[in-house]
Structure formats: C-alpha cells, structure tokens
Amino acid sequence: DKVPFDTRAMIMEHYGLDRPVMERFA
C-alpha cells in the first residue's frame, strides 16, 4: 500500500493479478 504506484503495478503484472478476473479464473 505504501510503495510507489509504478512499483505496485509491476508487482501485480509480474504475478498476473492485473488481468481480468475471468481470464485469471480460466
């Protein structure tokens, strides 16, 4: 929560958590 937005976005992208829910579900 306290890290910069860009770093947060990179982490979420690395683990695929930025993808749509249904895509991650499939």
mmCIF file of all heavy atoms, coordinates in Angstrom:
data_MODEL
# 
_entry.id   MODEL 
# 
loop_
_atom_site.group_PDB 
_atom_site.id 
_atom_site.type_symbol 
_atom_site.label_atom_id 
_atom_site.label_alt_id 
_atom_site.label_comp_id 
_atom_site.label_asym_id 
_atom_site.label_entity_id 
_atom_site.label_seq_id 
_atom_site.pdbx_PDB_ins_code 
_atom_site.Cartn_x 
_atom_site.Cartn_y 
_atom_site.Cartn_z 
_atom_site.occupancy 
_atom_site.B_iso_or_equiv 
_atom_site.pdbx_formal_charge 
_atom_site.auth_seq_id 
_atom_site.auth_comp_id 
_atom_site.auth_asym_id 
_atom_site.auth_atom_id 
_atom_site.pdbx_PDB_model_num 
ATOM 1   N N   . ASP A 1 1  ? 0.817   -1.221  0.000   1.00 0.00 ? 1  ASP A N   1 
ATOM 2   C CA  . ASP A 1 1  ? 0.000   0.000   0.000   1.00 0.00 ? 1  ASP A CA  1 
ATOM 3   C C   . ASP A 1 1  ? 0.851   1.271   0.000   1.00 0.00 ? 1  ASP A C   1 
ATOM 4   O O   . ASP A 1 1  ? 0.425   2.311   -0.513  1.00 0.00 ? 1  ASP A O   1 
ATOM 5   C CB  . ASP A 1 1  ? -0.930  0.002   1.222   1.00 0.00 ? 1  ASP A CB  1 
ATOM 6   C CG  . ASP A 1 1  ? -1.929  -1.138  1.152   1.00 0.00 ? 1  ASP A CG  1 
ATOM 7   O OD1 . ASP A 1 1  ? -2.229  -1.574  0.025   1.00 0.00 ? 1  ASP A OD1 1 
ATOM 8   O OD2 . ASP A 1 1  ? -2.396  -1.597  2.211   1.00 0.00 ? 1  ASP A OD2 1 
ATOM 9   N N   . LYS A 1 2  ? 2.054   1.223   0.581   1.00 0.00 ? 2  LYS A N   1 
ATOM 10  C CA  . LYS A 1 2  ? 2.873   2.425   0.709   1.00 0.00 ? 2  LYS A CA  1 
ATOM 11  C C   . LYS A 1 2  ? 3.967   2.542   -0.345  1.00 0.00 ? 2  LYS A C   1 
ATOM 12  O O   . LYS A 1 2  ? 4.753   3.491   -0.305  1.00 0.00 ? 2  LYS A O   1 
ATOM 13  C CB  . LYS A 1 2  ? 3.495   2.470   2.104   1.00 0.00 ? 2  LYS A CB  1 
ATOM 14  C CG  . LYS A 1 2  ? 2.464   2.561   3.227   1.00 0.00 ? 2  LYS A CG  1 
ATOM 15  C CD  . LYS A 1 2  ? 3.135   2.634   4.591   1.00 0.00 ? 2  LYS A CD  1 
ATOM 16  C CE  . LYS A 1 2  ? 2.096   2.728   5.707   1.00 0.00 ? 2  LYS A CE  1 
ATOM 17  N NZ  . LYS A 1 2  ? 2.721   2.807   7.051   1.00 0.00 ? 2  LYS A NZ  1 
ATOM 18  N N   . VAL A 1 3  ? 4.050   1.581   -1.263  1.00 0.00 ? 3  VAL A N   1 
ATOM 19  C CA  . VAL A 1 3  ? 5.087   1.642   -2.299  1.00 0.00 ? 3  VAL A CA  1 
ATOM 20  C C   . VAL A 1 3  ? 4.560   2.488   -3.462  1.00 0.00 ? 3  VAL A C   1 
ATOM 21  O O   . VAL A 1 3  ? 3.348   2.661   -3.626  1.00 0.00 ? 3  VAL A O   1 
ATOM 22  C CB  . VAL A 1 3  ? 5.465   0.230   -2.798  1.00 0.00 ? 3  VAL A CB  1 
ATOM 23  C CG1 . VAL A 1 3  ? 5.945   -0.622  -1.653  1.00 0.00 ? 3  VAL A CG1 1 
ATOM 24  C CG2 . VAL A 1 3  ? 4.276   -0.439  -3.492  1.00 0.00 ? 3  VAL A CG2 1 
ATOM 25  N N   . PRO A 1 4  ? 5.452   3.017   -4.290  1.00 0.00 ? 4  PRO A N   1 
ATOM 26  C CA  . PRO A 1 4  ? 5.017   3.836   -5.436  1.00 0.00 ? 4  PRO A CA  1 
ATOM 27  C C   . PRO A 1 4  ? 4.089   3.058   -6.367  1.00 0.00 ? 4  PRO A C   1 
ATOM 28  O O   . PRO A 1 4  ? 4.166   1.832   -6.475  1.00 0.00 ? 4  PRO A O   1 
ATOM 29  C CB  . PRO A 1 4  ? 6.340   4.194   -6.130  1.00 0.00 ? 4  PRO A CB  1 
ATOM 30  C CG  . PRO A 1 4  ? 7.367   4.075   -5.051  1.00 0.00 ? 4  PRO A CG  1 
ATOM 31  C CD  . PRO A 1 4  ? 6.909   2.981   -4.149  1.00 0.00 ? 4  PRO A CD  1 
ATOM 32  N N   . PHE A 1 5  ? 3.262   3.817   -7.066  1.00 0.00 ? 5  PHE A N   1 
ATOM 33  C CA  . PHE A 1 5  ? 2.254   3.207   -7.937  1.00 0.00 ? 5  PHE A CA  1 
ATOM 34  C C   . PHE A 1 5  ? 2.907   2.357   -9.027  1.00 0.00 ? 5  PHE A C   1 
ATOM 35  O O   . PHE A 1 5  ? 2.422   1.267   -9.358  1.00 0.00 ? 5  PHE A O   1 
ATOM 36  C CB  . PHE A 1 5  ? 1.387   4.300   -8.574  1.00 0.00 ? 5  PHE A CB  1 
ATOM 37  C CG  . PHE A 1 5  ? 0.371   3.767   -9.531  1.00 0.00 ? 5  PHE A CG  1 
ATOM 38  C CD1 . PHE A 1 5  ? -0.828  3.219   -9.088  1.00 0.00 ? 5  PHE A CD1 1 
ATOM 39  C CD2 . PHE A 1 5  ? 0.625   3.810   -10.906 1.00 0.00 ? 5  PHE A CD2 1 
ATOM 40  C CE1 . PHE A 1 5  ? -1.752  2.721   -9.992  1.00 0.00 ? 5  PHE A CE1 1 
ATOM 41  C CE2 . PHE A 1 5  ? -0.307  3.316   -11.810 1.00 0.00 ? 5  PHE A CE2 1 
ATOM 42  C CZ  . PHE A 1 5  ? -1.489  2.773   -11.345 1.00 0.00 ? 5  PHE A CZ  1 
ATOM 43  N N   . ASP A 1 6  ? 4.008   2.842   -9.617  1.00 0.00 ? 6  ASP A N   1 
ATOM 44  C CA  . ASP A 1 6  ? 4.668   2.107   -10.694 1.00 0.00 ? 6  ASP A CA  1 
ATOM 45  C C   . ASP A 1 6  ? 5.194   0.764   -10.204 1.00 0.00 ? 6  ASP A C   1 
ATOM 46  O O   . ASP A 1 6  ? 5.081   -0.255  -10.893 1.00 0.00 ? 6  ASP A O   1 
ATOM 47  C CB  . ASP A 1 6  ? 5.826   2.934   -11.272 1.00 0.00 ? 6  ASP A CB  1 
ATOM 48  C CG  . ASP A 1 6  ? 5.329   4.182   -11.997 1.00 0.00 ? 6  ASP A CG  1 
ATOM 49  O OD1 . ASP A 1 6  ? 4.139   4.199   -12.358 1.00 0.00 ? 6  ASP A OD1 1 
ATOM 50  O OD2 . ASP A 1 6  ? 6.136   5.123   -12.180 1.00 0.00 ? 6  ASP A OD2 1 
ATOM 51  N N   . THR A 1 7  ? 5.805   0.776   -9.003  1.00 0.00 ? 7  THR A N   1 
ATOM 52  C CA  . THR A 1 7  ? 6.317   -0.475  -8.436  1.00 0.00 ? 7  THR A CA  1 
ATOM 53  C C   . THR A 1 7  ? 5.179   -1.441  -8.144  1.00 0.00 ? 7  THR A C   1 
ATOM 54  O O   . THR A 1 7  ? 5.283   -2.648  -8.394  1.00 0.00 ? 7  THR A O   1 
ATOM 55  C CB  . THR A 1 7  ? 7.093   -0.179  -7.133  1.00 0.00 ? 7  THR A CB  1 
ATOM 56  O OG1 . THR A 1 7  ? 8.117   0.773   -7.394  1.00 0.00 ? 7  THR A OG1 1 
ATOM 57  C CG2 . THR A 1 7  ? 7.704   -1.454  -6.581  1.00 0.00 ? 7  THR A CG2 1 
ATOM 58  N N   . ARG A 1 8  ? 4.089   -0.909  -7.611  1.00 0.00 ? 8  ARG A N   1 
ATOM 59  C CA  . ARG A 1 8  ? 2.933   -1.742  -7.315  1.00 0.00 ? 8  ARG A CA  1 
ATOM 60  C C   . ARG A 1 8  ? 2.386   -2.381  -8.601  1.00 0.00 ? 8  ARG A C   1 
ATOM 61  O O   . ARG A 1 8  ? 2.054   -3.573  -8.627  1.00 0.00 ? 8  ARG A O   1 
ATOM 62  C CB  . ARG A 1 8  ? 1.854   -0.897  -6.647  1.00 0.00 ? 8  ARG A CB  1 
ATOM 63  C CG  . ARG A 1 8  ? 0.658   -1.687  -6.165  1.00 0.00 ? 8  ARG A CG  1 
ATOM 64  C CD  . ARG A 1 8  ? -0.436  -0.758  -5.661  1.00 0.00 ? 8  ARG A CD  1 
ATOM 65  N NE  . ARG A 1 8  ? 0.090   0.288   -4.800  1.00 0.00 ? 8  ARG A NE  1 
ATOM 66  C CZ  . ARG A 1 8  ? -0.633  1.293   -4.332  1.00 0.00 ? 8  ARG A CZ  1 
ATOM 67  N NH1 . ARG A 1 8  ? -1.926  1.396   -4.663  1.00 0.00 ? 8  ARG A NH1 1 
ATOM 68  N NH2 . ARG A 1 8  ? -0.095  2.206   -3.541  1.00 0.00 ? 8  ARG A NH2 1 
ATOM 69  N N   . ALA A 1 9  ? 2.334   -1.583  -9.669  1.00 0.00 ? 9  ALA A N   1 
ATOM 70  C CA  . ALA A 1 9  ? 1.824   -2.095  -10.943 1.00 0.00 ? 9  ALA A CA  1 
ATOM 71  C C   . ALA A 1 9  ? 2.731   -3.185  -11.511 1.00 0.00 ? 9  ALA A C   1 
ATOM 72  O O   . ALA A 1 9  ? 2.249   -4.180  -12.078 1.00 0.00 ? 9  ALA A O   1 
ATOM 73  C CB  . ALA A 1 9  ? 1.694   -0.947  -11.952 1.00 0.00 ? 9  ALA A CB  1 
ATOM 74  N N   . MET A 1 10 ? 4.060   -3.026  -11.326 1.00 0.00 ? 10 MET A N   1 
ATOM 75  C CA  . MET A 1 10 ? 4.990   -4.048  -11.802 1.00 0.00 ? 10 MET A CA  1 
ATOM 76  C C   . MET A 1 10 ? 4.814   -5.362  -11.058 1.00 0.00 ? 10 MET A C   1 
ATOM 77  O O   . MET A 1 10 ? 4.874   -6.447  -11.656 1.00 0.00 ? 10 MET A O   1 
ATOM 78  C CB  . MET A 1 10 ? 6.434   -3.533  -11.644 1.00 0.00 ? 10 MET A CB  1 
ATOM 79  C CG  . MET A 1 10 ? 6.820   -2.414  -12.598 1.00 0.00 ? 10 MET A CG  1 
ATOM 80  S SD  . MET A 1 10 ? 8.501   -1.796  -12.297 1.00 0.00 ? 10 MET A SD  1 
ATOM 81  C CE  . MET A 1 10 ? 9.443   -3.300  -12.507 1.00 0.00 ? 10 MET A CE  1 
ATOM 82  N N   . ILE A 1 11 ? 4.600   -5.257  -9.752  1.00 0.00 ? 11 ILE A N   1 
ATOM 83  C CA  . ILE A 1 11 ? 4.407   -6.473  -8.953  1.00 0.00 ? 11 ILE A CA  1 
ATOM 84  C C   . ILE A 1 11 ? 3.123   -7.194  -9.365  1.00 0.00 ? 11 ILE A C   1 
ATOM 85  O O   . ILE A 1 11 ? 3.099   -8.419  -9.551  1.00 0.00 ? 11 ILE A O   1 
ATOM 86  C CB  . ILE A 1 11 ? 4.370   -6.125  -7.448  1.00 0.00 ? 11 ILE A CB  1 
ATOM 87  C CG1 . ILE A 1 11 ? 5.731   -5.596  -6.990  1.00 0.00 ? 11 ILE A CG1 1 
ATOM 88  C CG2 . ILE A 1 11 ? 3.973   -7.348  -6.628  1.00 0.00 ? 11 ILE A CG2 1 
ATOM 89  C CD1 . ILE A 1 11 ? 5.744   -5.103  -5.561  1.00 0.00 ? 11 ILE A CD1 1 
ATOM 90  N N   . MET A 1 12 ? 2.044   -6.441  -9.514  1.00 0.00 ? 12 MET A N   1 
ATOM 91  C CA  . MET A 1 12 ? 0.772   -7.038  -9.907  1.00 0.00 ? 12 MET A CA  1 
ATOM 92  C C   . MET A 1 12 ? 0.865   -7.661  -11.297 1.00 0.00 ? 12 MET A C   1 
ATOM 93  O O   . MET A 1 12 ? 0.304   -8.735  -11.549 1.00 0.00 ? 12 MET A O   1 
ATOM 94  C CB  . MET A 1 12 ? -0.332  -5.987  -9.875  1.00 0.00 ? 12 MET A CB  1 
ATOM 95  C CG  . MET A 1 12 ? -0.561  -5.340  -8.501  1.00 0.00 ? 12 MET A CG  1 
ATOM 96  S SD  . MET A 1 12 ? -1.125  -6.510  -7.243  1.00 0.00 ? 12 MET A SD  1 
ATOM 97  C CE  . MET A 1 12 ? -2.846  -6.672  -7.713  1.00 0.00 ? 12 MET A CE  1 
ATOM 98  N N   . GLU A 1 13 ? 1.605   -6.996  -12.195 1.00 0.00 ? 13 GLU A N   1 
ATOM 99  C CA  . GLU A 1 13 ? 1.773   -7.534  -13.545 1.00 0.00 ? 13 GLU A CA  1 
ATOM 100 C C   . GLU A 1 13 ? 2.611   -8.802  -13.530 1.00 0.00 ? 13 GLU A C   1 
ATOM 101 O O   . GLU A 1 13 ? 2.353   -9.753  -14.279 1.00 0.00 ? 13 GLU A O   1 
ATOM 102 C CB  . GLU A 1 13 ? 2.424   -6.476  -14.442 1.00 0.00 ? 13 GLU A CB  1 
ATOM 103 C CG  . GLU A 1 13 ? 2.605   -6.938  -15.881 1.00 0.00 ? 13 GLU A CG  1 
ATOM 104 C CD  . GLU A 1 13 ? 3.288   -5.870  -16.739 1.00 0.00 ? 13 GLU A CD  1 
ATOM 105 O OE1 . GLU A 1 13 ? 3.612   -4.797  -16.193 1.00 0.00 ? 13 GLU A OE1 1 
ATOM 106 O OE2 . GLU A 1 13 ? 3.488   -6.126  -17.943 1.00 0.00 ? 13 GLU A OE2 1 
ATOM 107 N N   . HIS A 1 14 ? 3.639   -8.832  -12.678 1.00 0.00 ? 14 HIS A N   1 
ATOM 108 C CA  . HIS A 1 14 ? 4.524   -9.993  -12.595 1.00 0.00 ? 14 HIS A CA  1 
ATOM 109 C C   . HIS A 1 14 ? 3.751   -11.242 -12.204 1.00 0.00 ? 14 HIS A C   1 
ATOM 110 O O   . HIS A 1 14 ? 4.009   -12.337 -12.739 1.00 0.00 ? 14 HIS A O   1 
ATOM 111 C CB  . HIS A 1 14 ? 5.643   -9.714  -11.586 1.00 0.00 ? 14 HIS A CB  1 
ATOM 112 C CG  . HIS A 1 14 ? 6.520   -10.906 -11.339 1.00 0.00 ? 14 HIS A CG  1 
ATOM 113 N ND1 . HIS A 1 14 ? 7.449   -11.348 -12.259 1.00 0.00 ? 14 HIS A ND1 1 
ATOM 114 C CD2 . HIS A 1 14 ? 6.601   -11.751 -10.270 1.00 0.00 ? 14 HIS A CD2 1 
ATOM 115 C CE1 . HIS A 1 14 ? 8.072   -12.409 -11.774 1.00 0.00 ? 14 HIS A CE1 1 
ATOM 116 N NE2 . HIS A 1 14 ? 7.584   -12.677 -10.567 1.00 0.00 ? 14 HIS A NE2 1 
ATOM 117 N N   . TYR A 1 15 ? 2.813   -11.092 -11.282 1.00 0.00 ? 15 TYR A N   1 
ATOM 118 C CA  . TYR A 1 15 ? 2.029   -12.246 -10.824 1.00 0.00 ? 15 TYR A CA  1 
ATOM 119 C C   . TYR A 1 15 ? 0.716   -12.421 -11.592 1.00 0.00 ? 15 TYR A C   1 
ATOM 120 O O   . TYR A 1 15 ? -0.073  -13.313 -11.272 1.00 0.00 ? 15 TYR A O   1 
ATOM 121 C CB  . TYR A 1 15 ? 1.719   -12.111 -9.334  1.00 0.00 ? 15 TYR A CB  1 
ATOM 122 C CG  . TYR A 1 15 ? 2.919   -12.337 -8.444  1.00 0.00 ? 15 TYR A CG  1 
ATOM 123 C CD1 . TYR A 1 15 ? 3.625   -11.257 -7.928  1.00 0.00 ? 15 TYR A CD1 1 
ATOM 124 C CD2 . TYR A 1 15 ? 3.358   -13.614 -8.138  1.00 0.00 ? 15 TYR A CD2 1 
ATOM 125 C CE1 . TYR A 1 15 ? 4.738   -11.445 -7.113  1.00 0.00 ? 15 TYR A CE1 1 
ATOM 126 C CE2 . TYR A 1 15 ? 4.453   -13.823 -7.327  1.00 0.00 ? 15 TYR A CE2 1 
ATOM 127 C CZ  . TYR A 1 15 ? 5.145   -12.734 -6.822  1.00 0.00 ? 15 TYR A CZ  1 
ATOM 128 O OH  . TYR A 1 15 ? 6.244   -12.937 -6.019  1.00 0.00 ? 15 TYR A OH  1 
ATOM 129 N N   . GLY A 1 16 ? 0.477   -11.593 -12.586 1.00 0.00 ? 16 GLY A N   1 
ATOM 130 C CA  . GLY A 1 16 ? -0.709  -11.729 -13.410 1.00 0.00 ? 16 GLY A CA  1 
ATOM 131 C C   . GLY A 1 16 ? -1.984  -11.265 -12.756 1.00 0.00 ? 16 GLY A C   1 
ATOM 132 O O   . GLY A 1 16 ? -3.090  -11.557 -13.237 1.00 0.00 ? 16 GLY A O   1 
ATOM 133 N N   . LEU A 1 17 ? -1.867  -10.499 -11.654 1.00 0.00 ? 17 LEU A N   1 
ATOM 134 C CA  . LEU A 1 17 ? -3.057  -10.050 -10.932 1.00 0.00 ? 17 LEU A CA  1 
ATOM 135 C C   . LEU A 1 17 ? -3.679  -8.800  -11.542 1.00 0.00 ? 17 LEU A C   1 
ATOM 136 O O   . LEU A 1 17 ? -4.713  -8.328  -11.056 1.00 0.00 ? 17 LEU A O   1 
ATOM 137 C CB  . LEU A 1 17 ? -2.692  -9.780  -9.458  1.00 0.00 ? 17 LEU A CB  1 
ATOM 138 C CG  . LEU A 1 17 ? -2.243  -11.013 -8.660  1.00 0.00 ? 17 LEU A CG  1 
ATOM 139 C CD1 . LEU A 1 17 ? -1.873  -10.614 -7.246  1.00 0.00 ? 17 LEU A CD1 1 
ATOM 140 C CD2 . LEU A 1 17 ? -3.320  -12.087 -8.653  1.00 0.00 ? 17 LEU A CD2 1 
ATOM 141 N N   . ASP A 1 18 ? -3.046  -8.278  -12.596 1.00 0.00 ? 18 ASP A N   1 
ATOM 142 C CA  . ASP A 1 18 ? -3.631  -7.132  -13.272 1.00 0.00 ? 18 ASP A CA  1 
ATOM 143 C C   . ASP A 1 18 ? -4.581  -7.551  -14.397 1.00 0.00 ? 18 ASP A C   1 
ATOM 144 O O   . ASP A 1 18 ? -5.233  -6.710  -15.009 1.00 0.00 ? 18 ASP A O   1 
ATOM 145 C CB  . ASP A 1 18 ? -2.524  -6.246  -13.858 1.00 0.00 ? 18 ASP A CB  1 
ATOM 146 C CG  . ASP A 1 18 ? -1.671  -7.003  -14.878 1.00 0.00 ? 18 ASP A CG  1 
ATOM 147 O OD1 . ASP A 1 18 ? -1.542  -8.249  -14.742 1.00 0.00 ? 18 ASP A OD1 1 
ATOM 148 O OD2 . ASP A 1 18 ? -1.133  -6.364  -15.798 1.00 0.00 ? 18 ASP A OD2 1 
ATOM 149 N N   . ARG A 1 19 ? -4.663  -8.855  -14.665 1.00 0.00 ? 19 ARG A N   1 
ATOM 150 C CA  . ARG A 1 19 ? -5.524  -9.360  -15.719 1.00 0.00 ? 19 ARG A CA  1 
ATOM 151 C C   . ARG A 1 19 ? -6.974  -9.418  -15.257 1.00 0.00 ? 19 ARG A C   1 
ATOM 152 O O   . ARG A 1 19 ? -7.247  -9.433  -14.043 1.00 0.00 ? 19 ARG A O   1 
ATOM 153 C CB  . ARG A 1 19 ? -5.072  -10.760 -16.168 1.00 0.00 ? 19 ARG A CB  1 
ATOM 154 C CG  . ARG A 1 19 ? -3.586  -10.871 -16.487 1.00 0.00 ? 19 ARG A CG  1 
ATOM 155 C CD  . ARG A 1 19 ? -3.140  -9.888  -17.523 1.00 0.00 ? 19 ARG A CD  1 
ATOM 156 N NE  . ARG A 1 19 ? -3.836  -10.087 -18.795 1.00 0.00 ? 19 ARG A NE  1 
ATOM 157 C CZ  . ARG A 1 19 ? -3.796  -9.273  -19.815 1.00 0.00 ? 19 ARG A CZ  1 
ATOM 158 N NH1 . ARG A 1 19 ? -3.101  -8.133  -19.712 1.00 0.00 ? 19 ARG A NH1 1 
ATOM 159 N NH2 . ARG A 1 19 ? -4.439  -9.536  -20.922 1.00 0.00 ? 19 ARG A NH2 1 
ATOM 160 N N   . PRO A 1 20 ? -7.924  -9.433  -16.166 1.00 0.00 ? 20 PRO A N   1 
ATOM 161 C CA  . PRO A 1 20 ? -9.340  -9.551  -15.783 1.00 0.00 ? 20 PRO A CA  1 
ATOM 162 C C   . PRO A 1 20 ? -9.609  -10.820 -14.966 1.00 0.00 ? 20 PRO A C   1 
ATOM 163 O O   . PRO A 1 20 ? -8.916  -11.830 -15.114 1.00 0.00 ? 20 PRO A O   1 
ATOM 164 C CB  . PRO A 1 20 ? -10.067 -9.600  -17.130 1.00 0.00 ? 20 PRO A CB  1 
ATOM 165 C CG  . PRO A 1 20 ? -9.128  -8.934  -18.089 1.00 0.00 ? 20 PRO A CG  1 
ATOM 166 C CD  . PRO A 1 20 ? -7.752  -9.259  -17.619 1.00 0.00 ? 20 PRO A CD  1 
ATOM 167 N N   . VAL A 1 21 ? -10.614 -10.741 -14.133 1.00 0.00 ? 21 VAL A N   1 
ATOM 168 C CA  . VAL A 1 21 ? -10.927 -11.857 -13.225 1.00 0.00 ? 21 VAL A CA  1 
ATOM 169 C C   . VAL A 1 21 ? -11.220 -13.140 -13.986 1.00 0.00 ? 21 VAL A C   1 
ATOM 170 O O   . VAL A 1 21 ? -10.712 -14.210 -13.643 1.00 0.00 ? 21 VAL A O   1 
ATOM 171 C CB  . VAL A 1 21 ? -12.129 -11.488 -12.325 1.00 0.00 ? 21 VAL A CB  1 
ATOM 172 C CG1 . VAL A 1 21 ? -12.524 -12.669 -11.449 1.00 0.00 ? 21 VAL A CG1 1 
ATOM 173 C CG2 . VAL A 1 21 ? -11.809 -10.288 -11.466 1.00 0.00 ? 21 VAL A CG2 1 
ATOM 174 N N   . MET A 1 22 ? -12.042 -13.065 -15.007 1.00 0.00 ? 22 MET A N   1 
ATOM 175 C CA  . MET A 1 22 ? -12.425 -14.273 -15.735 1.00 0.00 ? 22 MET A CA  1 
ATOM 176 C C   . MET A 1 22 ? -11.232 -14.889 -16.463 1.00 0.00 ? 22 MET A C   1 
ATOM 177 O O   . MET A 1 22 ? -11.141 -16.115 -16.591 1.00 0.00 ? 22 MET A O   1 
ATOM 178 C CB  . MET A 1 22 ? -13.547 -13.949 -16.729 1.00 0.00 ? 22 MET A CB  1 
ATOM 179 C CG  . MET A 1 22 ? -14.851 -13.513 -16.077 1.00 0.00 ? 22 MET A CG  1 
ATOM 180 S SD  . MET A 1 22 ? -15.428 -14.679 -14.808 1.00 0.00 ? 22 MET A SD  1 
ATOM 181 C CE  . MET A 1 22 ? -15.664 -16.163 -15.773 1.00 0.00 ? 22 MET A CE  1 
ATOM 182 N N   . GLU A 1 23 ? -10.327 -14.055 -16.922 1.00 0.00 ? 23 GLU A N   1 
ATOM 183 C CA  . GLU A 1 23 ? -9.123  -14.578 -17.565 1.00 0.00 ? 23 GLU A CA  1 
ATOM 184 C C   . GLU A 1 23 ? -8.255  -15.325 -16.550 1.00 0.00 ? 23 GLU A C   1 
ATOM 185 O O   . GLU A 1 23 ? -7.737  -16.416 -16.824 1.00 0.00 ? 23 GLU A O   1 
ATOM 186 C CB  . GLU A 1 23 ? -8.332  -13.438 -18.205 1.00 0.00 ? 23 GLU A CB  1 
ATOM 187 C CG  . GLU A 1 23 ? -7.079  -13.901 -18.942 1.00 0.00 ? 23 GLU A CG  1 
ATOM 188 C CD  . GLU A 1 23 ? -6.326  -12.756 -19.574 1.00 0.00 ? 23 GLU A CD  1 
ATOM 189 O OE1 . GLU A 1 23 ? -6.968  -11.732 -19.899 1.00 0.00 ? 23 GLU A OE1 1 
ATOM 190 O OE2 . GLU A 1 23 ? -5.092  -12.869 -19.738 1.00 0.00 ? 23 GLU A OE2 1 
ATOM 191 N N   . ARG A 1 24 ? -8.093  -14.716 -15.377 1.00 0.00 ? 24 ARG A N   1 
ATOM 192 C CA  . ARG A 1 24 ? -7.319  -15.388 -14.325 1.00 0.00 ? 24 ARG A CA  1 
ATOM 193 C C   . ARG A 1 24 ? -8.009  -16.666 -13.856 1.00 0.00 ? 24 ARG A C   1 
ATOM 194 O O   . ARG A 1 24 ? -7.364  -17.663 -13.556 1.00 0.00 ? 24 ARG A O   1 
ATOM 195 C CB  . ARG A 1 24 ? -7.106  -14.452 -13.136 1.00 0.00 ? 24 ARG A CB  1 
ATOM 196 C CG  . ARG A 1 24 ? -6.082  -13.369 -13.421 1.00 0.00 ? 24 ARG A CG  1 
ATOM 197 C CD  . ARG A 1 24 ? -5.719  -12.611 -12.172 1.00 0.00 ? 24 ARG A CD  1 
ATOM 198 N NE  . ARG A 1 24 ? -6.721  -11.624 -11.824 1.00 0.00 ? 24 ARG A NE  1 
ATOM 199 C CZ  . ARG A 1 24 ? -7.346  -11.558 -10.662 1.00 0.00 ? 24 ARG A CZ  1 
ATOM 200 N NH1 . ARG A 1 24 ? -7.084  -12.443 -9.730  1.00 0.00 ? 24 ARG A NH1 1 
ATOM 201 N NH2 . ARG A 1 24 ? -8.237  -10.621 -10.438 1.00 0.00 ? 24 ARG A NH2 1 
ATOM 202 N N   . PHE A 1 25 ? -9.342  -16.625 -13.806 1.00 0.00 ? 25 PHE A N   1 
ATOM 203 C CA  . PHE A 1 25 ? -10.096 -17.804 -13.394 1.00 0.00 ? 25 PHE A CA  1 
ATOM 204 C C   . PHE A 1 25 ? -9.906  -18.958 -14.385 1.00 0.00 ? 25 PHE A C   1 
ATOM 205 O O   . PHE A 1 25 ? -9.670  -20.103 -13.983 1.00 0.00 ? 25 PHE A O   1 
ATOM 206 C CB  . PHE A 1 25 ? -11.578 -17.460 -13.270 1.00 0.00 ? 25 PHE A CB  1 
ATOM 207 C CG  . PHE A 1 25 ? -12.462 -18.644 -13.075 1.00 0.00 ? 25 PHE A CG  1 
ATOM 208 C CD1 . PHE A 1 25 ? -12.473 -19.331 -11.871 1.00 0.00 ? 25 PHE A CD1 1 
ATOM 209 C CD2 . PHE A 1 25 ? -13.280 -19.095 -14.110 1.00 0.00 ? 25 PHE A CD2 1 
ATOM 210 C CE1 . PHE A 1 25 ? -13.287 -20.436 -11.689 1.00 0.00 ? 25 PHE A CE1 1 
ATOM 211 C CE2 . PHE A 1 25 ? -14.091 -20.197 -13.936 1.00 0.00 ? 25 PHE A CE2 1 
ATOM 212 C CZ  . PHE A 1 25 ? -14.100 -20.871 -12.729 1.00 0.00 ? 25 PHE A CZ  1 
ATOM 213 N N   . ALA A 1 26 ? -9.992  -18.659 -15.673 1.00 0.00 ? 26 ALA A N   1 
ATOM 214 C CA  . ALA A 1 26 ? -9.819  -19.696 -16.688 1.00 0.00 ? 26 ALA A CA  1 
ATOM 215 C C   . ALA A 1 26 ? -8.410  -20.290 -16.628 1.00 0.00 ? 26 ALA A C   1 
ATOM 216 O O   . ALA A 1 26 ? -8.231  -21.512 -16.746 1.00 0.00 ? 26 ALA A O   1 
ATOM 217 C CB  . ALA A 1 26 ? -10.099 -19.117 -18.079 1.00 0.00 ? 26 ALA A CB  1 
# 
